[in-house]
Protein backbone atom coordinates (compact mmCIF):
# COMPACT_ATOMS: atom_id res chain seq x y z
CA MET A 1 61.38 82.22 -80.38
CA SER A 2 60.01 84.75 -82.29
CA GLU A 3 57.85 86.04 -79.87
CA LEU A 4 60.13 86.39 -77.40
CA THR A 5 62.63 88.15 -80.20
CA ALA A 6 60.09 90.56 -81.30
CA GLY A 7 59.58 91.20 -77.21
CA ARG A 8 63.40 92.66 -76.96
CA ALA A 9 62.57 94.35 -80.02
CA LEU A 10 59.55 95.94 -78.06
CA ALA A 11 61.94 96.56 -75.13
CA SER A 12 64.19 98.21 -77.25
CA LYS A 13 62.16 100.73 -79.07
CA SER A 14 60.45 101.41 -76.01
CA TRP A 15 64.09 102.48 -74.34
CA TRP A 16 64.98 104.28 -76.86
CA LYS A 17 61.76 106.08 -77.48
CA LYS A 18 61.97 107.15 -73.57
CA PHE A 19 65.59 107.88 -73.56
CA GLY A 20 65.21 110.44 -76.68
CA ALA A 21 62.40 111.46 -74.92
CA SER A 22 64.74 112.46 -71.98
CA VAL A 23 66.88 113.79 -74.20
CA LYS A 24 64.83 116.20 -75.95
CA TYR A 25 63.23 117.01 -72.29
CA ALA A 26 66.41 118.88 -71.53
CA PHE A 27 65.18 121.80 -74.19
CA TYR A 28 62.11 122.09 -71.43
CA VAL A 29 64.08 122.03 -68.36
CA MET A 30 65.95 124.97 -70.20
CA PHE A 31 63.09 127.55 -70.33
CA HIS A 32 60.89 125.92 -67.61
CA PRO A 33 63.12 125.09 -64.36
CA PHE A 34 61.09 125.18 -61.84
CA ASP A 35 58.24 123.06 -63.35
CA GLY A 36 60.94 121.29 -65.60
CA PHE A 37 63.21 120.38 -62.83
CA TRP A 38 60.70 118.94 -60.57
CA ASP A 39 58.88 116.50 -63.35
CA LEU A 40 62.71 115.45 -63.70
CA THR A 41 63.34 114.02 -60.48
CA HIS A 42 59.42 113.43 -58.56
CA GLU A 43 58.15 112.38 -62.07
CA HIS A 44 61.16 110.23 -63.56
CA ARG A 45 61.28 112.89 -67.22
CA GLY A 46 64.77 112.16 -67.09
CA SER A 47 67.41 109.58 -66.90
CA LEU A 48 70.65 108.78 -65.91
CA ALA A 49 71.84 107.77 -69.72
CA ALA A 50 70.41 111.21 -70.72
CA ALA A 51 72.72 112.49 -67.69
CA ASN A 52 75.67 110.54 -69.05
CA LEU A 53 75.48 111.41 -72.65
CA PHE A 54 75.36 115.11 -71.65
CA VAL A 55 78.67 114.23 -69.00
CA ILE A 56 80.05 112.59 -72.23
CA LEU A 57 79.25 115.14 -74.39
CA LEU A 58 81.12 117.95 -72.27
CA LEU A 59 84.34 116.12 -72.39
CA LEU A 60 84.27 116.05 -75.76
CA GLY A 61 83.70 119.31 -76.01
CA ARG A 62 86.03 120.21 -73.71
CA LEU A 63 88.51 118.35 -75.92
CA MET A 64 87.45 119.74 -79.51
CA THR A 65 87.26 123.25 -77.54
CA LEU A 66 91.16 122.76 -77.15
CA GLN A 67 91.18 121.54 -80.60
CA PHE A 68 89.63 123.67 -82.77
CA THR A 69 89.19 127.28 -80.66
CA ASN A 70 90.63 130.43 -82.85
CA MET A 71 94.24 131.30 -81.39
CA MET A 72 92.79 134.18 -80.73
CA PHE A 73 91.23 133.42 -77.89
CA MET A 74 92.56 130.54 -76.50
CA LYS A 75 96.30 128.92 -77.57
CA VAL A 76 97.23 125.39 -76.29
CA TYR A 77 100.36 123.65 -76.62
CA TRP A 78 99.07 120.07 -77.51
CA PRO A 79 102.07 118.54 -76.65
CA ARG A 80 101.51 119.39 -73.05
CA VAL A 81 97.94 118.85 -73.28
CA ASN A 82 96.87 114.92 -71.15
CA ILE A 83 93.36 114.41 -72.77
CA PHE A 84 93.25 111.91 -69.37
CA GLN A 85 93.98 114.87 -67.24
CA GLN A 86 91.08 116.91 -69.37
CA CYS A 87 88.90 114.50 -68.54
CA ALA A 88 89.33 114.62 -64.77
CA SER A 89 89.47 118.13 -64.34
CA LEU A 90 85.57 117.66 -65.17
CA LEU A 91 84.35 114.22 -64.11
CA LEU A 92 86.67 114.54 -61.24
CA PRO A 93 84.77 118.34 -59.32
CA LEU A 94 81.30 116.34 -61.32
CA SER A 95 81.82 113.59 -58.83
CA ILE A 96 82.96 115.44 -55.62
CA TYR A 97 80.14 118.10 -55.96
CA CYS A 98 77.70 114.96 -56.36
CA ILE A 99 78.66 113.44 -53.76
CA CYS A 100 78.95 116.27 -51.20
CA ASN A 101 76.02 117.99 -51.47
CA TRP A 102 73.80 114.64 -51.37
CA GLY A 103 76.00 113.60 -48.43
CA LEU A 104 74.87 117.47 -46.79
CA THR A 105 71.69 117.70 -47.78
CA THR A 106 71.10 114.21 -46.85
CA LEU A 107 72.14 115.51 -43.16
CA PHE A 108 69.36 117.80 -43.26
CA ASP A 109 66.14 116.04 -44.59
CA GLY A 110 66.96 116.84 -47.93
CA LYS A 111 64.75 115.46 -50.71
CA GLY A 112 66.89 114.55 -53.53
CA THR A 113 68.64 111.29 -54.09
CA LEU A 114 72.47 111.09 -55.19
CA LYS A 115 71.25 109.83 -58.59
CA ASP A 116 69.05 112.94 -58.71
CA VAL A 117 71.67 115.08 -57.75
CA TYR A 118 73.57 113.61 -60.41
CA ILE A 119 70.62 113.93 -63.45
CA ALA A 120 70.19 117.22 -62.12
CA THR A 121 73.74 118.56 -62.42
CA ALA A 122 73.44 117.14 -65.81
CA TYR A 123 70.80 118.65 -66.86
CA ALA A 124 71.68 122.32 -65.38
CA LEU A 125 74.88 121.68 -67.51
CA VAL A 126 72.68 121.66 -70.82
CA PRO A 127 73.41 125.53 -71.42
CA TYR A 128 76.94 125.76 -70.85
CA LEU A 129 77.36 122.42 -72.90
CA ILE A 130 75.22 124.62 -75.97
CA GLY A 131 77.48 127.15 -75.71
CA MET A 132 80.68 125.56 -75.55
CA TYR A 133 79.46 123.79 -79.09
CA LEU A 134 78.09 127.09 -80.28
CA ILE A 135 82.23 129.22 -79.63
CA ILE A 136 83.78 126.56 -81.31
CA PRO A 137 83.07 127.61 -84.84
CA LEU A 138 82.64 131.12 -83.93
CA SER A 139 85.27 131.53 -82.54
CA ASN A 140 87.44 131.01 -86.02
CA ILE A 141 84.77 133.60 -87.11
CA LEU A 142 85.22 136.69 -85.45
CA THR A 143 87.74 139.08 -86.05
CA MET A 144 89.48 140.21 -83.19
CA GLU A 145 87.50 143.52 -82.03
CA GLU A 146 84.50 141.14 -82.15
CA GLY A 147 85.88 139.05 -79.39
CA SER A 148 83.81 140.38 -76.41
CA LEU A 149 80.99 138.37 -78.48
CA TYR A 150 82.90 135.10 -77.69
CA THR A 151 83.04 135.58 -74.17
CA VAL A 152 79.63 137.25 -73.81
CA ILE A 153 78.03 134.37 -75.12
CA GLU A 154 79.92 131.93 -72.67
CA THR A 155 79.45 133.93 -69.73
CA PHE A 156 75.79 133.83 -70.79
CA MET A 157 75.68 130.35 -71.00
CA LEU A 158 77.79 129.59 -68.05
CA VAL A 159 75.28 131.90 -66.08
CA TRP A 160 72.03 130.71 -67.13
CA SER A 161 73.53 126.98 -66.26
CA ALA A 162 74.79 128.37 -62.49
CA LEU A 163 71.11 129.70 -62.66
CA LEU A 164 69.61 126.06 -63.94
CA LEU A 165 71.52 124.35 -60.98
CA VAL A 166 70.44 126.34 -58.08
CA ILE A 167 66.63 126.02 -59.05
CA GLY A 168 67.35 122.10 -59.94
CA MET A 169 68.37 121.79 -56.22
CA VAL A 170 65.34 123.89 -54.18
CA GLN A 171 63.73 121.43 -56.62
CA ILE A 172 65.05 118.16 -55.77
CA HIS A 173 66.14 118.96 -52.14
CA ASP A 174 62.84 120.99 -51.52
CA PHE A 175 64.06 123.60 -49.89
CA GLY A 176 63.97 127.48 -49.78
CA LEU A 177 66.05 129.47 -51.94
CA GLY A 178 68.53 130.64 -48.96
CA LYS A 179 68.70 127.48 -47.71
CA THR A 180 69.88 125.95 -51.03
CA ILE A 181 72.47 129.00 -50.73
CA LEU A 182 74.05 128.26 -48.06
CA PHE A 183 74.43 124.30 -49.24
CA LEU A 184 75.46 125.31 -51.84
CA PHE A 185 77.95 127.61 -50.73
CA MET A 186 78.61 124.72 -47.91
CA THR A 187 78.72 121.96 -50.73
CA VAL A 188 82.08 124.29 -52.32
CA VAL A 189 83.41 124.00 -48.27
CA ALA A 190 83.00 120.58 -48.26
CA MET A 191 84.58 119.98 -51.75
CA ALA A 192 87.50 121.95 -50.81
CA ILE A 193 87.78 118.87 -48.03
CA VAL A 194 87.70 116.70 -49.54
CA VAL A 195 90.65 117.61 -52.14
CA PHE A 196 92.96 118.50 -49.43
CA LEU A 197 92.04 115.38 -47.71
CA LEU A 198 92.31 113.23 -51.45
CA LEU A 199 95.83 115.30 -52.07
CA LEU A 200 97.14 114.39 -48.80
CA PHE A 201 96.73 110.96 -49.46
CA LEU A 202 98.41 111.14 -52.60
CA THR A 203 101.05 112.60 -50.94
CA LEU A 204 101.12 110.20 -48.19
CA VAL A 205 100.91 107.15 -50.43
CA SER A 206 103.57 108.76 -52.60
CA ASP A 207 106.03 109.24 -49.72
CA GLY A 208 105.07 105.41 -48.88
CA LEU A 209 106.45 104.14 -51.98
CA GLY A 210 109.50 105.96 -52.26
CA TYR A 211 110.67 104.93 -49.04
CA ILE A 212 109.62 101.15 -49.78
CA ILE A 213 111.14 101.40 -53.13
CA SER A 214 114.99 103.17 -51.28
CA VAL A 215 114.67 100.54 -48.81
CA TYR A 216 114.13 97.73 -51.47
CA LYS A 217 117.42 99.45 -53.22
CA GLU A 218 119.43 99.75 -50.53
CA ILE A 219 118.42 95.42 -49.29
CA ASN A 220 119.24 94.83 -52.78
CA PHE A 221 122.54 96.92 -52.85
CA ARG A 222 123.90 95.80 -50.07
CA LEU A 223 122.89 92.19 -51.17
CA ASN A 224 124.93 91.88 -54.56
């Protein structure tokens, strides 16, 4: 029994060590994107657990931004804020992007799997994640005249993440730059189509349920 316990403890320690290394590796990816994204997937330097952590931190950062950003830069009326809607506004586009990008690139010999696309996307968002947590306290220090610094940092981190995303897709799919940009554009178009179909489906379901409920009420009214 002691050997079994020791084995589990060793496996747990090894997992946490690997997890910590995969989280730390995000900083290498930020400054060495070509080598970083290649090793991220081909050498398994990244992990699904680390990618999930970055996405969770993005969700928390979004909520903290709404709560703690100075009103000069963001006015939020909390009674109208739906936390689940805020989470869905990040998770849904991320999920649709990963599925659409993987689906399209697979049809044209893209090397990346759905897992690779998700991990690379999560790692590419790390600069934006860092910028999000940086500008929250900064917004409470800056004056209105210094507010441009807030916008500059936010824009710079967003552009950094966008560039990382492009390089990440180049490396995991083994495409050229032009082909990658084309497929990113096609991914955006596919996302718009998917969102339209989802809205259409939800509308039809809502109308169908409304019709069934109205029929039920009518029958119930006549029987009573």
